[in-house]
Amino acid sequence: AGGAVSDLGVYRMNPDVLTQKPDLLFVEFAVNDFGSTTESIYRTMEGIVRKTWRRYPQADICFVYTIAENNIKDLQAGKYQFTALAMEQIAEHYRIPSIHMGVEVIKLLDAGKLIFTGVPEEHPHQIVFTTDHTHPLSGSGHPIYAGVVEHYLQEMAQSDSIAPHDLGAPFVADNWEDAQMIPLSRIKNRRGFKKLAGKDTVQQQFKKFMPAIYKAMAPGATFTVRFTGKVLGVYDLIGPPGGIVTVTVDGGAPQDIFRFDQWGNYYRKSAFFLKDLDNGPHQATFTVTGKSFDKAALLRKRKITMTDPAIYRENSWLLSNILVLGKLEEQ
């Protein structure tokens, strides 16, 4: 998913990856994890590894690292971006091979053969890698990445070592191996939410990864989650009708979470987490406020103009799953 980070990725492992019984798993979060901390990356990436090998010890894993324009200076100075460095610690601990696909891009850039961000028509004699500072162009950027991966896969193929992978001791004791994704249908203490019909256009768009999507039908729609653990999150959608959700944990001060942002002119999978919790029993209540705010101003940050204000008029919430690091208690 565009913009997905490893703290969501580790929750999606069971329903979206391990159900496919992988023989080989490529893991890439080096660009999107740029807003994470090194310690957070340790926990989530190790959780991905341990989830995989706990269920399929014969499966092979390869970490791959891509780049965005804000990584160029580090690579030109001869060092990986901090996200890749953190991931390399996990790779080394578990003896997982890794491929940094950005090194070849930087070589071509330094040789004057490549423009990292530009318009291809304006540089007919050079490779233009991307037009948006991040995503490789299919005709010129992706072939570089593909060539690097092909080269190193051929090198790895020379190894005849086939054996179950031993998990051993964890790199960090508080890794997220136990992260679990729970359908909202299991949360009985809820009111004001309705499951989208199978023929609904939003449900159709996301049915592969969100088989059931629920929508808040009016302000005041609410549900309460009781769990024992230290992290709680929600797997949801951001899009034109998104609004403000108030979260109250253990009777504390309410916190407003915006489920609309400057990319809110289209629907996309997203998530948010309550992370700073003690490892113990908690009760969290989520309520849709219905409060209005200036969505047009947020979109203008990306020079997006509302062409159909009606689709933004709601201040609702669309969600699918609860994300728990711990144990869901009787609801």
C-alpha atoms as a PDB file:
ATOM      1  CA  ALA A   1       0.000   0.000   0.000  1.00  0.00           C
ATOM      2  CA  GLY A   2       1.235   3.482  -0.802  1.00  0.00           C
ATOM      3  CA  GLY A   3       2.703   5.148   2.262  1.00  0.00           C
ATOM      4  CA  ALA A   4       2.537   1.949   4.343  1.00  0.00           C
ATOM      5  CA  VAL A   5       5.047   1.710   7.174  1.00  0.00           C
ATOM      6  CA  SER A   6       6.399  -1.342   8.959  1.00  0.00           C
ATOM      7  CA  ASP A   7       4.288  -0.783  12.078  1.00  0.00           C
ATOM      8  CA  LEU A   8       1.224  -1.489   9.916  1.00  0.00           C
ATOM      9  CA  GLY A   9       3.055  -4.112   7.877  1.00  0.00           C
ATOM     10  CA  VAL A  10       3.702  -6.335  10.883  1.00  0.00           C
ATOM     11  CA  TYR A  11      -0.037  -6.395  11.654  1.00  0.00           C
ATOM     12  CA  ARG A  12      -0.895  -7.260   8.060  1.00  0.00           C
ATOM     13  CA  MET A  13       1.445 -10.267   7.987  1.00  0.00           C
ATOM     14  CA  ASN A  14      -1.062 -12.902   9.098  1.00  0.00           C
ATOM     15  CA  PRO A  15      -4.077 -12.012   6.915  1.00  0.00           C
ATOM     16  CA  ASP A  16      -2.293 -10.634   3.846  1.00  0.00           C
ATOM     17  CA  VAL A  17       1.047 -12.456   3.586  1.00  0.00           C
ATOM     18  CA  LEU A  18       1.273 -15.662   5.595  1.00  0.00           C
ATOM     19  CA  THR A  19      -2.068 -16.923   4.304  1.00  0.00           C
ATOM     20  CA  GLN A  20      -0.354 -17.116   0.902  1.00  0.00           C
ATOM     21  CA  LYS A  21       2.193 -19.657   2.235  1.00  0.00           C
ATOM     22  CA  PRO A  22       5.268 -17.806   0.895  1.00  0.00           C
ATOM     23  CA  ASP A  23       8.471 -19.585  -0.097  1.00  0.00           C
ATOM     24  CA  LEU A  24      10.313 -16.277  -0.485  1.00  0.00           C
ATOM     25  CA  LEU A  25       9.409 -12.978   1.131  1.00  0.00           C
ATOM     26  CA  PHE A  26      10.829  -9.595   0.111  1.00  0.00           C
ATOM     27  CA  VAL A  27      10.463  -6.910   2.789  1.00  0.00           C
ATOM     28  CA  GLU A  28      10.823  -3.190   1.929  1.00  0.00           C
ATOM     29  CA  PHE A  29      10.021  -0.283   4.226  1.00  0.00           C
ATOM     30  CA  ALA A  30      13.219   1.778   3.987  1.00  0.00           C
ATOM     31  CA  VAL A  31      11.544   4.809   2.382  1.00  0.00           C
ATOM     32  CA  ASN A  32       8.211   4.830   4.206  1.00  0.00           C
ATOM     33  CA  ASP A  33       9.763   4.228   7.642  1.00  0.00           C
ATOM     34  CA  PHE A  34      11.669   7.518   7.413  1.00  0.00           C
ATOM     35  CA  GLY A  35       9.404   9.030  10.080  1.00  0.00           C
ATOM     36  CA  SER A  36       9.986   6.142  12.496  1.00  0.00           C
ATOM     37  CA  THR A  37      12.662   5.771  15.145  1.00  0.00           C
ATOM     38  CA  THR A  38      15.468   3.227  15.012  1.00  0.00           C
ATOM     39  CA  GLU A  39      14.012   1.445  18.037  1.00  0.00           C
ATOM     40  CA  SER A  40      10.566   1.262  16.412  1.00  0.00           C
ATOM     41  CA  ILE A  41      12.072  -0.211  13.254  1.00  0.00           C
ATOM     42  CA  TYR A  42      13.842  -2.884  15.299  1.00  0.00           C
ATOM     43  CA  ARG A  43      10.546  -3.927  16.910  1.00  0.00           C
ATOM     44  CA  THR A  44       8.448  -4.041  13.750  1.00  0.00           C
ATOM     45  CA  MET A  45      10.971  -5.559  11.344  1.00  0.00           C
ATOM     46  CA  GLU A  46      11.893  -8.236  13.855  1.00  0.00           C
ATOM     47  CA  GLY A  47       8.197  -8.917  14.357  1.00  0.00           C
ATOM     48  CA  ILE A  48       7.843  -9.517  10.610  1.00  0.00           C
ATOM     49  CA  VAL A  49      10.760 -11.956  10.613  1.00  0.00           C
ATOM     50  CA  ARG A  50       9.635 -13.892  13.668  1.00  0.00           C
ATOM     51  CA  LYS A  51       6.027 -14.111  12.493  1.00  0.00           C
ATOM     52  CA  THR A  52       7.213 -15.572   9.190  1.00  0.00           C
ATOM     53  CA  TRP A  53       9.630 -18.144  10.541  1.00  0.00           C
ATOM     54  CA  ARG A  54       7.393 -19.114  13.454  1.00  0.00           C
ATOM     55  CA  ARG A  55       4.838 -20.294  10.881  1.00  0.00           C
ATOM     56  CA  TYR A  56       7.025 -21.153   7.892  1.00  0.00           C
ATOM     57  CA  PRO A  57      10.597 -21.891   9.035  1.00  0.00           C
ATOM     58  CA  GLN A  58      11.588 -23.015   5.523  1.00  0.00           C
ATOM     59  CA  ALA A  59      10.604 -19.696   3.930  1.00  0.00           C
ATOM     60  CA  ASP A  60      13.444 -17.434   2.823  1.00  0.00           C
ATOM     61  CA  ILE A  61      13.434 -13.704   3.537  1.00  0.00           C
ATOM     62  CA  CYS A  62      15.293 -10.917   1.758  1.00  0.00           C
ATOM     63  CA  PHE A  63      15.335  -7.294   2.888  1.00  0.00           C
ATOM     64  CA  VAL A  64      15.425  -4.770   0.049  1.00  0.00           C
ATOM     65  CA  TYR A  65      16.042  -1.039   0.389  1.00  0.00           C
ATOM     66  CA  THR A  66      14.780   1.622  -1.996  1.00  0.00           C
ATOM     67  CA  ILE A  67      15.466   5.350  -1.848  1.00  0.00           C
ATOM     68  CA  ALA A  68      13.808   8.729  -2.124  1.00  0.00           C
ATOM     69  CA  GLU A  69      15.415  12.069  -2.923  1.00  0.00           C
ATOM     70  CA  ASN A  70      15.972  12.836   0.758  1.00  0.00           C
ATOM     71  CA  ASN A  71      18.317   9.820   0.969  1.00  0.00           C
ATOM     72  CA  ILE A  72      20.724  10.985  -1.740  1.00  0.00           C
ATOM     73  CA  LYS A  73      23.212  12.849   0.467  1.00  0.00           C
ATOM     74  CA  ASP A  74      23.673   9.896   2.823  1.00  0.00           C
ATOM     75  CA  LEU A  75      24.360   7.505  -0.026  1.00  0.00           C
ATOM     76  CA  GLN A  76      26.694   9.942  -1.764  1.00  0.00           C
ATOM     77  CA  ALA A  77      28.616  10.145   1.514  1.00  0.00           C
ATOM     78  CA  GLY A  78      28.986   6.366   1.454  1.00  0.00           C
ATOM     79  CA  LYS A  79      26.448   5.407   4.102  1.00  0.00           C
ATOM     80  CA  TYR A  80      22.978   3.932   4.125  1.00  0.00           C
ATOM     81  CA  GLN A  81      19.973   5.965   5.234  1.00  0.00           C
ATOM     82  CA  PHE A  82      19.189   5.413   8.921  1.00  0.00           C
ATOM     83  CA  THR A  83      16.173   3.219   8.162  1.00  0.00           C
ATOM     84  CA  ALA A  84      18.271   0.760   6.169  1.00  0.00           C
ATOM     85  CA  LEU A  85      20.964   0.812   8.856  1.00  0.00           C
ATOM     86  CA  ALA A  86      18.388  -0.169  11.469  1.00  0.00           C
ATOM     87  CA  MET A  87      17.011  -2.918   9.239  1.00  0.00           C
ATOM     88  CA  GLU A  88      20.536  -4.218   8.628  1.00  0.00           C
ATOM     89  CA  GLN A  89      20.852  -4.847  12.364  1.00  0.00           C
ATOM     90  CA  ILE A  90      17.876  -7.186  12.173  1.00  0.00           C
ATOM     91  CA  ALA A  91      19.159  -8.751   8.952  1.00  0.00           C
ATOM     92  CA  GLU A  92      22.561  -9.423  10.541  1.00  0.00           C
ATOM     93  CA  HIS A  93      21.012 -10.882  13.701  1.00  0.00           C
ATOM     94  CA  TYR A  94      18.946 -13.388  11.691  1.00  0.00           C
ATOM     95  CA  ARG A  95      21.467 -13.852   8.853  1.00  0.00           C
ATOM     96  CA  ILE A  96      19.004 -12.494   6.309  1.00  0.00           C
ATOM     97  CA  PRO A  97      20.409 -11.319   2.942  1.00  0.00           C
ATOM     98  CA  SER A  98      19.676  -7.758   1.889  1.00  0.00           C
ATOM     99  CA  ILE A  99      19.849  -5.786  -1.341  1.00  0.00           C
ATOM    100  CA  HIS A 100      20.212  -2.010  -1.477  1.00  0.00           C
ATOM    101  CA  MET A 101      18.723  -1.052  -4.825  1.00  0.00           C
ATOM    102  CA  GLY A 102      19.591   2.621  -4.418  1.00  0.00           C
ATOM    103  CA  VAL A 103      23.364   2.252  -4.642  1.00  0.00           C
ATOM    104  CA  GLU A 104      23.269   1.738  -8.406  1.00  0.00           C
ATOM    105  CA  VAL A 105      21.003   4.769  -8.787  1.00  0.00           C
ATOM    106  CA  ILE A 106      23.541   6.932  -6.953  1.00  0.00           C
ATOM    107  CA  LYS A 107      26.401   5.585  -9.102  1.00  0.00           C
ATOM    108  CA  LEU A 108      24.546   6.643 -12.240  1.00  0.00           C
ATOM    109  CA  LEU A 109      23.681  10.006 -10.681  1.00  0.00           C
ATOM    110  CA  ASP A 110      27.287  10.724  -9.727  1.00  0.00           C
ATOM    111  CA  ALA A 111      28.433   9.727 -13.218  1.00  0.00           C
ATOM    112  CA  GLY A 112      26.079  12.292 -14.759  1.00  0.00           C
ATOM    113  CA  LYS A 113      24.054   9.594 -16.485  1.00  0.00           C
ATOM    114  CA  LEU A 114      20.920  10.028 -14.393  1.00  0.00           C
ATOM    115  CA  ILE A 115      18.583  12.801 -13.250  1.00  0.00           C
ATOM    116  CA  PHE A 116      16.901  11.783 -10.016  1.00  0.00           C
ATOM    117  CA  THR A 117      13.765  13.954 -10.356  1.00  0.00           C
ATOM    118  CA  GLY A 118      12.779  15.537 -13.642  1.00  0.00           C
ATOM    119  CA  VAL A 119      10.722  15.441 -16.802  1.00  0.00           C
ATOM    120  CA  PRO A 120      11.969  12.761 -19.232  1.00  0.00           C
ATOM    121  CA  GLU A 121      11.306  14.898 -22.314  1.00  0.00           C
ATOM    122  CA  GLU A 122      13.616  17.593 -20.944  1.00  0.00           C
ATOM    123  CA  HIS A 123      16.535  15.154 -20.559  1.00  0.00           C
ATOM    124  CA  PRO A 124      16.613  13.026 -23.715  1.00  0.00           C
ATOM    125  CA  HIS A 125      20.216  11.901 -23.163  1.00  0.00           C
ATOM    126  CA  GLN A 126      19.942  10.974 -19.490  1.00  0.00           C
ATOM    127  CA  ILE A 127      17.933   8.552 -17.411  1.00  0.00           C
ATOM    128  CA  VAL A 128      15.177  10.256 -15.456  1.00  0.00           C
ATOM    129  CA  PHE A 129      14.558   8.154 -12.355  1.00  0.00           C
ATOM    130  CA  THR A 130      11.359   9.739 -10.995  1.00  0.00           C
ATOM    131  CA  THR A 131       9.043  12.681 -11.480  1.00  0.00           C
ATOM    132  CA  ASP A 132       7.866  12.918  -7.842  1.00  0.00           C
ATOM    133  CA  HIS A 133      11.113  12.567  -5.810  1.00  0.00           C
ATOM    134  CA  THR A 134      10.273   8.967  -4.807  1.00  0.00           C
ATOM    135  CA  HIS A 135       8.468   6.567  -7.136  1.00  0.00           C
ATOM    136  CA  PRO A 136      10.601   5.138  -9.989  1.00  0.00           C
ATOM    137  CA  LEU A 137       9.300   5.572 -13.515  1.00  0.00           C
ATOM    138  CA  SER A 138       8.273   2.276 -15.075  1.00  0.00           C
ATOM    139  CA  GLY A 139      10.352   2.775 -18.205  1.00  0.00           C
ATOM    140  CA  SER A 140      13.547   4.160 -16.666  1.00  0.00           C
ATOM    141  CA  GLY A 141      13.564   3.822 -12.878  1.00  0.00           C
ATOM    142  CA  HIS A 142      12.198   0.343 -12.284  1.00  0.00           C
ATOM    143  CA  PRO A 143      14.597  -1.331 -14.740  1.00  0.00           C
ATOM    144  CA  ILE A 144      17.497  -0.132 -12.564  1.00  0.00           C
ATOM    145  CA  TYR A 145      15.976  -1.654  -9.451  1.00  0.00           C
ATOM    146  CA  ALA A 146      15.076  -4.847 -11.313  1.00  0.00           C
ATOM    147  CA  GLY A 147      18.590  -5.221 -12.680  1.00  0.00           C
ATOM    148  CA  VAL A 148      20.114  -4.943  -9.209  1.00  0.00           C
ATOM    149  CA  VAL A 149      17.741  -7.526  -7.742  1.00  0.00           C
ATOM    150  CA  GLU A 150      18.311  -9.919 -10.654  1.00  0.00           C
ATOM    151  CA  HIS A 151      22.087  -9.650 -10.251  1.00  0.00           C
ATOM    152  CA  TYR A 152      22.064 -10.480  -6.552  1.00  0.00           C
ATOM    153  CA  LEU A 153      19.426 -13.202  -6.833  1.00  0.00           C
ATOM    154  CA  GLN A 154      21.696 -14.957  -9.327  1.00  0.00           C
ATOM    155  CA  GLU A 155      24.535 -14.625  -6.821  1.00  0.00           C
ATOM    156  CA  MET A 156      22.363 -16.015  -4.015  1.00  0.00           C
ATOM    157  CA  ALA A 157      21.292 -18.911  -6.222  1.00  0.00           C
ATOM    158  CA  GLN A 158      24.845 -20.292  -6.007  1.00  0.00           C
ATOM    159  CA  SER A 159      24.155 -21.237  -2.392  1.00  0.00           C
ATOM    160  CA  ASP A 160      22.833 -24.770  -1.949  1.00  0.00           C
ATOM    161  CA  SER A 161      21.984 -24.260   1.715  1.00  0.00           C
ATOM    162  CA  ILE A 162      18.358 -25.299   2.304  1.00  0.00           C
ATOM    163  CA  ALA A 163      17.328 -25.716   5.929  1.00  0.00           C
ATOM    164  CA  PRO A 164      14.733 -24.436   8.379  1.00  0.00           C
ATOM    165  CA  HIS A 165      15.577 -21.045   9.816  1.00  0.00           C
ATOM    166  CA  ASP A 166      16.232 -20.963  13.541  1.00  0.00           C
ATOM    167  CA  LEU A 167      14.549 -18.081  15.348  1.00  0.00           C
ATOM    168  CA  GLY A 168      16.877 -18.119  18.332  1.00  0.00           C
ATOM    169  CA  ALA A 169      16.849 -15.298  20.863  1.00  0.00           C
ATOM    170  CA  PRO A 170      15.186 -12.035  19.804  1.00  0.00           C
ATOM    171  CA  PHE A 171      17.207  -8.936  18.974  1.00  0.00           C
ATOM    172  CA  VAL A 172      14.869  -6.795  21.091  1.00  0.00           C
ATOM    173  CA  ALA A 173      12.669  -8.370  23.755  1.00  0.00           C
ATOM    174  CA  ASP A 174       9.738  -6.050  23.032  1.00  0.00           C
ATOM    175  CA  ASN A 175       9.472  -6.839  19.326  1.00  0.00           C
ATOM    176  CA  TRP A 176       6.025  -6.927  17.719  1.00  0.00           C
ATOM    177  CA  GLU A 177       5.830 -10.639  16.882  1.00  0.00           C
ATOM    178  CA  ASP A 178       2.502 -10.861  18.728  1.00  0.00           C
ATOM    179  CA  ALA A 179       0.820  -8.070  16.734  1.00  0.00           C
ATOM    180  CA  GLN A 180      -2.652  -9.148  15.655  1.00  0.00           C
ATOM    181  CA  MET A 181      -5.353  -7.723  13.402  1.00  0.00           C
ATOM    182  CA  ILE A 182      -8.887  -8.136  14.740  1.00  0.00           C
ATOM    183  CA  PRO A 183     -12.084  -7.528  12.692  1.00  0.00           C
ATOM    184  CA  LEU A 184     -14.311  -4.796  14.051  1.00  0.00           C
ATOM    185  CA  SER A 185     -17.109  -7.376  14.106  1.00  0.00           C
ATOM    186  CA  ARG A 186     -15.507  -8.873  17.229  1.00  0.00           C
ATOM    187  CA  ILE A 187     -15.959  -5.599  19.102  1.00  0.00           C
ATOM    188  CA  LYS A 188     -19.479  -5.998  20.471  1.00  0.00           C
ATOM    189  CA  ASN A 189     -19.612  -2.725  22.378  1.00  0.00           C
ATOM    190  CA  ARG A 190     -20.244  -0.505  19.369  1.00  0.00           C
ATOM    191  CA  ARG A 191     -23.117   1.552  18.022  1.00  0.00           C
ATOM    192  CA  GLY A 192     -23.702   3.781  15.031  1.00  0.00           C
ATOM    193  CA  PHE A 193     -21.532   1.813  12.588  1.00  0.00           C
ATOM    194  CA  LYS A 194     -22.864   0.010   9.523  1.00  0.00           C
ATOM    195  CA  LYS A 195     -21.078  -2.557   7.379  1.00  0.00           C
ATOM    196  CA  LEU A 196     -20.782  -1.444   3.765  1.00  0.00           C
ATOM    197  CA  ALA A 197     -22.676  -3.528   1.247  1.00  0.00           C
ATOM    198  CA  GLY A 198     -20.599  -5.823  -0.937  1.00  0.00           C
ATOM    199  CA  LYS A 199     -21.543  -3.808  -4.035  1.00  0.00           C
ATOM    200  CA  ASP A 200     -20.525  -0.479  -2.455  1.00  0.00           C
ATOM    201  CA  THR A 201     -17.846   1.152  -4.629  1.00  0.00           C
ATOM    202  CA  VAL A 202     -15.486   1.748  -1.680  1.00  0.00           C
ATOM    203  CA  GLN A 203     -15.906  -1.834  -0.467  1.00  0.00           C
ATOM    204  CA  GLN A 204     -15.256  -3.091  -3.983  1.00  0.00           C
ATOM    205  CA  GLN A 205     -12.071  -1.027  -4.214  1.00  0.00           C
ATOM    206  CA  PHE A 206     -10.569  -2.446  -1.020  1.00  0.00           C
ATOM    207  CA  LYS A 207     -12.192  -5.878  -0.727  1.00  0.00           C
ATOM    208  CA  LYS A 208      -8.916  -7.767  -1.246  1.00  0.00           C
ATOM    209  CA  PHE A 209      -7.349  -6.432   1.960  1.00  0.00           C
ATOM    210  CA  MET A 210     -10.443  -5.210   3.821  1.00  0.00           C
ATOM    211  CA  PRO A 211     -13.177  -7.836   3.357  1.00  0.00           C
ATOM    212  CA  ALA A 212     -15.442  -5.862   5.700  1.00  0.00           C
ATOM    213  CA  ILE A 213     -15.507  -2.072   6.009  1.00  0.00           C
ATOM    214  CA  TYR A 214     -17.674  -0.237   8.521  1.00  0.00           C
ATOM    215  CA  LYS A 215     -18.874   3.354   8.273  1.00  0.00           C
ATOM    216  CA  ALA A 216     -19.962   5.720  11.035  1.00  0.00           C
ATOM    217  CA  MET A 217     -23.492   6.650  10.079  1.00  0.00           C
ATOM    218  CA  ALA A 218     -23.792   9.805  12.218  1.00  0.00           C
ATOM    219  CA  PRO A 219     -21.902  11.862  14.792  1.00  0.00           C
ATOM    220  CA  GLY A 220     -21.667   9.992  18.071  1.00  0.00           C
ATOM    221  CA  ALA A 221     -20.941   6.612  16.512  1.00  0.00           C
ATOM    222  CA  THR A 222     -18.709   4.879  19.032  1.00  0.00           C
ATOM    223  CA  PHE A 223     -17.079   1.653  20.210  1.00  0.00           C
ATOM    224  CA  THR A 224     -14.966   0.582  23.176  1.00  0.00           C
ATOM    225  CA  VAL A 225     -12.056  -1.864  23.145  1.00  0.00           C
ATOM    226  CA  ARG A 226     -10.813  -3.652  26.253  1.00  0.00           C
ATOM    227  CA  PHE A 227      -7.401  -5.253  25.947  1.00  0.00           C
ATOM    228  CA  THR A 228      -4.240  -6.131  27.850  1.00  0.00           C
ATOM    229  CA  GLY A 229      -1.053  -4.931  26.193  1.00  0.00           C
ATOM    230  CA  LYS A 230       0.871  -1.827  25.250  1.00  0.00           C
ATOM    231  CA  VAL A 231      -0.179  -0.868  21.716  1.00  0.00           C
ATOM    232  CA  LEU A 232      -3.623  -0.383  20.196  1.00  0.00           C
ATOM    233  CA  GLY A 233      -4.408   0.816  16.689  1.00  0.00           C
ATOM    234  CA  VAL A 234      -7.042   0.997  13.981  1.00  0.00           C
ATOM    235  CA  TYR A 235      -6.741  -0.060  10.325  1.00  0.00           C
ATOM    236  CA  ASP A 236      -8.925   2.358   8.393  1.00  0.00           C
ATOM    237  CA  LEU A 237      -9.399   4.465   5.277  1.00  0.00           C
ATOM    238  CA  ILE A 238      -8.611   8.095   4.663  1.00  0.00           C
ATOM    239  CA  GLY A 239     -10.702   9.752   1.969  1.00  0.00           C
ATOM    240  CA  PRO A 240     -13.105  12.583   1.137  1.00  0.00           C
ATOM    241  CA  PRO A 241     -15.704  11.867   3.883  1.00  0.00           C
ATOM    242  CA  GLY A 242     -13.109  11.376   6.633  1.00  0.00           C
ATOM    243  CA  GLY A 243     -13.590  13.294   9.862  1.00  0.00           C
ATOM    244  CA  ILE A 244     -12.325  13.574  13.423  1.00  0.00           C
ATOM    245  CA  VAL A 245     -12.257  10.659  15.867  1.00  0.00           C
ATOM    246  CA  THR A 246     -11.929  11.330  19.587  1.00  0.00           C
ATOM    247  CA  VAL A 247     -10.049   8.657  21.548  1.00  0.00           C
ATOM    248  CA  THR A 248     -10.224   8.316  25.326  1.00  0.00           C
ATOM    249  CA  VAL A 249      -7.975   5.796  27.073  1.00  0.00           C
ATOM    250  CA  ASP A 250      -8.594   4.649  30.638  1.00  0.00           C
ATOM    251  CA  GLY A 251     -10.741   7.670  31.366  1.00  0.00           C
ATOM    252  CA  GLY A 252      -7.969  10.133  30.502  1.00  0.00           C
ATOM    253  CA  ALA A 253      -8.073  13.305  28.433  1.00  0.00           C
ATOM    254  CA  PRO A 254      -9.701  12.864  25.000  1.00  0.00           C
ATOM    255  CA  GLN A 255      -7.457  13.065  21.960  1.00  0.00           C
ATOM    256  CA  ASP A 256      -8.636  14.148  18.490  1.00  0.00           C
ATOM    257  CA  ILE A 257      -7.386  12.024  15.586  1.00  0.00           C
ATOM    258  CA  PHE A 258      -7.948  13.448  12.083  1.00  0.00           C
ATOM    259  CA  ARG A 259      -8.875  10.850   9.468  1.00  0.00           C
ATOM    260  CA  PHE A 260      -8.497  13.306   6.611  1.00  0.00           C
ATOM    261  CA  ASP A 261      -5.313  14.965   5.384  1.00  0.00           C
ATOM    262  CA  GLN A 262      -3.744  16.732   2.425  1.00  0.00           C
ATOM    263  CA  TRP A 263      -3.980  13.509   0.385  1.00  0.00           C
ATOM    264  CA  GLY A 264      -7.654  13.109   1.302  1.00  0.00           C
ATOM    265  CA  ASN A 265      -8.977  13.687  -2.218  1.00  0.00           C
ATOM    266  CA  TYR A 266      -8.802   9.930  -2.808  1.00  0.00           C
ATOM    267  CA  TYR A 267      -9.303   6.808  -0.677  1.00  0.00           C
ATOM    268  CA  ARG A 268      -6.310   4.953   0.688  1.00  0.00           C
ATOM    269  CA  LYS A 269      -5.589   2.399   3.407  1.00  0.00           C
ATOM    270  CA  SER A 270      -4.141   3.888   6.584  1.00  0.00           C
ATOM    271  CA  ALA A 271      -3.749   3.271  10.299  1.00  0.00           C
ATOM    272  CA  PHE A 272      -3.067   5.063  13.550  1.00  0.00           C
ATOM    273  CA  PHE A 273      -1.726   3.796  16.859  1.00  0.00           C
ATOM    274  CA  LEU A 274      -1.865   4.519  20.567  1.00  0.00           C
ATOM    275  CA  LYS A 275       1.668   3.501  21.541  1.00  0.00           C
ATOM    276  CA  ASP A 276       2.589   5.179  24.821  1.00  0.00           C
ATOM    277  CA  LEU A 277       0.694   2.749  27.046  1.00  0.00           C
ATOM    278  CA  ASP A 278       1.812   0.721  30.021  1.00  0.00           C
ATOM    279  CA  ASN A 279       1.885  -3.025  29.421  1.00  0.00           C
ATOM    280  CA  GLY A 280      -1.353  -3.865  31.208  1.00  0.00           C
ATOM    281  CA  PRO A 281      -5.140  -3.755  31.011  1.00  0.00           C
ATOM    282  CA  HIS A 282      -6.674  -0.815  29.151  1.00  0.00           C
ATOM    283  CA  GLN A 283     -10.010   0.445  27.905  1.00  0.00           C
ATOM    284  CA  ALA A 284     -10.143   2.735  24.867  1.00  0.00           C
ATOM    285  CA  THR A 285     -13.247   4.432  23.498  1.00  0.00           C
ATOM    286  CA  PHE A 286     -13.397   5.779  19.942  1.00  0.00           C
ATOM    287  CA  THR A 287     -16.107   8.309  19.047  1.00  0.00           C
ATOM    288  CA  VAL A 288     -16.814  10.073  15.748  1.00  0.00           C
ATOM    289  CA  THR A 289     -17.320  13.764  16.570  1.00  0.00           C
ATOM    290  CA  GLY A 290     -18.885  14.999  13.339  1.00  0.00           C
ATOM    291  CA  LYS A 291     -17.047  18.303  13.864  1.00  0.00           C
ATOM    292  CA  SER A 292     -16.330  20.211  10.667  1.00  0.00           C
ATOM    293  CA  PHE A 293     -12.913  21.575   9.712  1.00  0.00           C
ATOM    294  CA  ASP A 294     -11.327  23.194   6.677  1.00  0.00           C
ATOM    295  CA  LYS A 295     -10.667  20.299   4.326  1.00  0.00           C
ATOM    296  CA  ALA A 296     -10.086  22.660   1.404  1.00  0.00           C
ATOM    297  CA  ALA A 297      -7.167  24.277   3.224  1.00  0.00           C
ATOM    298  CA  LEU A 298      -5.536  20.894   3.796  1.00  0.00           C
ATOM    299  CA  LEU A 299      -5.893  19.977   0.119  1.00  0.00           C
ATOM    300  CA  ARG A 300      -4.434  23.307  -0.966  1.00  0.00           C
ATOM    301  CA  LYS A 301      -1.143  22.241   0.620  1.00  0.00           C
ATOM    302  CA  ARG A 302      -0.851  19.918  -2.391  1.00  0.00           C
ATOM    303  CA  LYS A 303      -2.430  22.433  -4.758  1.00  0.00           C
ATOM    304  CA  ILE A 304      -5.581  20.302  -4.952  1.00  0.00           C
ATOM    305  CA  THR A 305      -8.874  22.111  -5.560  1.00  0.00           C
ATOM    306  CA  MET A 306     -12.202  20.612  -4.522  1.00  0.00           C
ATOM    307  CA  THR A 307     -14.044  19.985  -7.777  1.00  0.00           C
ATOM    308  CA  ASP A 308     -17.031  18.391  -6.023  1.00  0.00           C
ATOM    309  CA  PRO A 309     -17.442  19.820  -2.489  1.00  0.00           C
ATOM    310  CA  ALA A 310     -20.408  17.526  -1.829  1.00  0.00           C
ATOM    311  CA  ILE A 311     -18.223  14.425  -1.454  1.00  0.00           C
ATOM    312  CA  TYR A 312     -16.267  16.152   1.341  1.00  0.00           C
ATOM    313  CA  ARG A 313     -19.330  17.321   3.281  1.00  0.00           C
ATOM    314  CA  GLU A 314     -19.490  14.337   5.626  1.00  0.00           C
ATOM    315  CA  ASN A 315     -17.181  14.126   8.634  1.00  0.00           C
ATOM    316  CA  SER A 316     -17.404  10.394   9.098  1.00  0.00           C
ATOM    317  CA  TRP A 317     -15.069   7.416   9.500  1.00  0.00           C
ATOM    318  CA  LEU A 318     -14.458   4.246   7.498  1.00  0.00           C
ATOM    319  CA  LEU A 319     -12.575   1.437   9.240  1.00  0.00           C
ATOM    320  CA  SER A 320     -11.997  -2.282   9.038  1.00  0.00           C
ATOM    321  CA  ASN A 321      -9.860  -3.749  11.826  1.00  0.00           C
ATOM    322  CA  ILE A 322      -8.540  -3.194  15.318  1.00  0.00           C
ATOM    323  CA  LEU A 323      -4.768  -3.623  15.774  1.00  0.00           C
ATOM    324  CA  VAL A 324      -3.691  -5.091  19.112  1.00  0.00           C
ATOM    325  CA  LEU A 325      -0.248  -5.819  20.512  1.00  0.00           C
ATOM    326  CA  GLY A 326      -1.372  -7.938  23.406  1.00  0.00           C
ATOM    327  CA  LYS A 327      -4.598  -9.732  24.208  1.00  0.00           C
ATOM    328  CA  LEU A 328      -8.140  -8.686  23.354  1.00  0.00           C
ATOM    329  CA  GLU A 329     -10.276  -9.122  26.452  1.00  0.00           C
ATOM    330  CA  GLU A 330     -13.904 -10.212  26.601  1.00  0.00           C
ATOM    331  CA  GLN A 331     -15.923  -7.412  25.000  1.00  0.00           C
END
